[in-house]
Protein backbone atom coordinates (compact mmCIF):
# COMPACT_ATOMS: atom_id res chain seq x y z
CA MET A 1 170.45 273.90 228.85
CA GLU A 2 173.60 276.02 229.21
CA LYS A 3 175.12 274.29 226.19
CA GLY A 4 172.21 275.43 224.05
CA ARG A 5 170.49 272.05 223.94
CA SER A 6 166.75 271.87 223.61
CA ARG A 7 164.76 271.97 226.84
CA TYR A 8 162.92 268.85 225.71
CA MET A 9 166.15 266.94 225.11
CA VAL A 10 167.38 267.88 228.59
CA LEU A 11 164.06 266.78 230.14
CA LEU A 12 164.16 263.53 228.19
CA GLU A 13 167.69 262.82 229.42
CA LEU A 14 166.67 263.67 232.99
CA VAL A 15 163.72 261.29 232.85
CA ARG A 16 165.91 258.58 231.31
CA LYS A 17 168.55 258.86 234.08
CA LEU A 18 166.02 259.23 236.90
CA GLY A 19 165.76 255.50 237.52
CA SER A 20 169.48 255.21 238.22
CA PHE A 21 169.01 257.26 241.41
CA ILE A 22 166.27 255.02 242.82
CA ASP A 23 167.05 251.80 244.67
CA LYS A 24 164.06 249.77 243.55
CA GLU A 25 164.82 246.93 245.98
CA LYS A 26 164.45 249.29 248.97
CA GLN A 27 161.29 251.05 247.85
CA PRO A 28 157.91 249.63 248.90
CA LYS A 29 156.48 247.11 246.44
CA ASP A 30 153.31 249.13 245.78
CA LEU A 31 155.30 252.30 245.04
CA ASN A 32 156.77 253.29 241.68
CA LEU A 33 158.82 256.37 242.58
CA GLY A 34 160.30 256.67 239.08
CA LYS A 35 156.84 256.84 237.54
CA ILE A 36 155.68 259.45 240.08
CA LEU A 37 158.74 261.68 239.55
CA THR A 38 158.54 261.30 235.76
CA SER A 39 154.91 262.37 235.88
CA ILE A 40 155.82 265.45 237.95
CA ILE A 41 158.61 266.44 235.54
CA LEU A 42 156.62 265.91 232.35
CA LYS A 43 153.14 267.07 233.40
CA ARG A 44 154.31 269.98 235.59
CA SER A 45 150.95 270.09 237.36
CA TYR A 46 149.62 270.13 240.90
CA SER A 47 147.69 266.93 240.24
CA ALA A 48 150.93 265.09 239.40
CA LEU A 49 152.60 266.59 242.46
CA SER A 50 149.64 265.67 244.68
CA ILE A 51 150.36 261.96 244.12
CA PHE A 52 153.87 262.47 245.51
CA HIS A 53 152.54 264.41 248.51
CA TYR A 54 149.91 261.74 249.16
CA LYS A 55 152.53 258.96 249.21
CA PHE A 56 155.25 260.79 251.16
CA ASN A 57 155.36 262.70 254.40
CA TYR A 58 158.36 264.78 255.39
CA LEU A 59 159.05 264.83 259.10
CA GLY A 60 161.37 267.65 260.03
CA MET A 61 162.76 268.46 263.43
CA MET A 62 164.24 271.85 264.07
CA HIS A 63 166.03 273.29 267.03
CA PHE A 64 165.11 276.88 267.71
CA MET A 65 168.14 279.13 267.35
CA ASP A 66 168.69 282.80 267.93
CA PRO A 67 171.84 284.94 267.57
CA TYR A 68 173.03 283.80 271.02
CA ASN A 69 172.92 280.05 270.41
CA TYR A 70 173.43 279.97 266.63
CA ASP A 71 175.19 276.73 265.72
CA VAL A 72 176.86 276.48 262.31
CA GLU A 73 177.11 272.68 262.47
CA ARG A 74 173.38 272.42 263.11
CA VAL A 75 172.71 274.69 260.13
CA MET A 76 174.86 272.41 257.95
CA HIS A 77 172.45 269.55 258.75
CA CYS A 78 169.31 271.62 258.23
CA GLY A 79 166.57 269.84 256.28
CA VAL A 80 164.31 272.83 255.65
CA HIS A 81 165.36 275.51 253.18
CA TYR A 82 164.03 278.65 251.56
CA VAL A 83 164.67 279.40 247.91
CA THR A 84 164.84 283.13 247.29
CA PRO A 85 163.98 284.78 243.97
CA GLU A 86 167.65 285.59 243.22
CA PRO A 87 167.86 282.38 243.44
CA ASN A 88 169.68 281.42 246.65
CA VAL A 89 169.00 278.36 248.77
CA VAL A 90 169.12 279.41 252.41
CA PRO A 91 168.69 277.12 255.43
CA PHE A 92 165.55 277.96 257.38
CA CYS A 93 167.46 278.71 260.59
CA THR A 94 169.80 281.13 258.86
CA PHE A 95 167.00 282.86 256.99
CA ASN A 96 165.11 283.68 260.18
CA VAL A 97 167.90 283.90 262.77
CA LEU A 98 169.98 286.33 260.72
CA PRO A 99 167.16 288.34 259.14
CA GLU A 100 169.35 291.30 258.25
CA LEU A 101 171.34 289.03 255.90
CA TYR A 102 168.49 287.25 254.17
CA ARG A 103 164.83 287.73 255.11
CA ASP A 104 164.82 291.52 255.40
CA ASN A 105 166.65 291.96 252.07
CA VAL A 106 164.34 289.57 250.23
CA GLN A 107 161.25 291.25 251.66
CA ARG A 108 162.59 294.70 250.84
CA MET A 109 163.53 293.74 247.25
CA PHE A 110 160.36 291.83 246.35
CA SER A 111 157.57 293.27 248.48
CA VAL A 112 154.55 294.81 246.80
CA SER A 113 152.12 297.24 248.39
CA LEU A 114 148.53 296.08 248.87
CA GLU A 115 147.28 298.66 246.36
CA GLU A 116 149.82 297.55 243.74
CA TRP A 117 148.97 293.88 244.34
CA SER A 118 145.24 294.50 243.91
CA LYS A 119 145.98 296.15 240.54
CA LEU A 120 148.23 293.28 239.44
CA LYS A 121 145.87 290.54 240.65
CA PRO A 122 142.29 291.84 240.68
CA GLY A 123 139.89 289.85 242.82
CA THR A 124 142.58 288.54 245.20
CA VAL A 125 142.09 291.18 247.90
CA GLY A 126 139.01 291.98 249.98
CA ASP A 127 135.55 290.41 249.87
CA LYS A 128 136.02 288.94 246.37
CA ALA A 129 138.93 286.84 247.63
CA LYS A 130 137.10 285.31 250.60
CA TYR A 131 136.16 281.66 250.37
CA ARG A 132 132.44 281.03 250.39
CA ARG A 133 131.31 277.46 250.86
CA ASP A 134 128.75 276.22 248.35
CA ILE A 135 126.70 273.85 250.52
CA LYS A 136 124.71 272.38 247.59
CA LYS A 137 127.91 271.59 245.67
CA LEU A 138 129.50 270.13 248.80
CA GLU A 139 126.53 267.91 249.62
CA SER A 140 126.23 266.64 246.05
CA GLY A 141 129.86 265.44 245.94
CA GLU A 142 130.68 261.73 246.06
CA ILE A 143 133.17 262.11 248.90
CA TYR A 144 130.58 263.88 251.06
CA LYS A 145 127.94 261.24 250.34
CA LYS A 146 130.34 258.39 251.03
CA THR A 147 131.69 259.94 254.24
CA TYR A 148 128.32 260.81 255.73
CA ALA A 149 126.28 257.91 254.31
CA GLY A 150 125.43 256.52 257.76
CA PHE A 151 124.30 259.91 259.05
CA LEU A 152 122.28 261.03 256.03
CA GLU A 153 119.78 258.17 256.11
C-alpha cells in the first residue's frame, strides 16, 4: 500500500501467499485454516471471524507483575498485547504495570466524557442502551426449541 498499489491488489497478494504460512500436514484434517483466514480478510465481518473463534481457543497464562517484580524477559515472552490508537503494540504487563507510560496517556488522549459520548452515539447510554430480553422471540428460536425439547413437552 505504501508503494501506491491498489488495496485490492495488496489483499489479493496477501490471500495468495497466505497458504505458504500454513503447514497443512500439521493442521487437523477437518480444518481448512487458509479458507477461514481468507474469508476473514475478504469478508471483513464478525460472522467470518466467528468461525475462527469457534474453531480456536487461546489459552494465555500471565504472571502478575508490579513495579517491584517487573521482569523484562517475561515481558518479551508476553502473549497478550494491547494495540493503542497511535498505533503502538504494547505487552499487557507493560501497559498495566507502567501506567504512567502507556495506559494513563492513552486514556487521557482518547477519553470522551459521558455527555459527549451520548451526543456522538445516541441511544448507547441510559435506559435505551439496556438489554431487554424478548421472551417470545427467544422461545420461538430453533436453538431454544432444540435445547429444551425434553422439558417443553
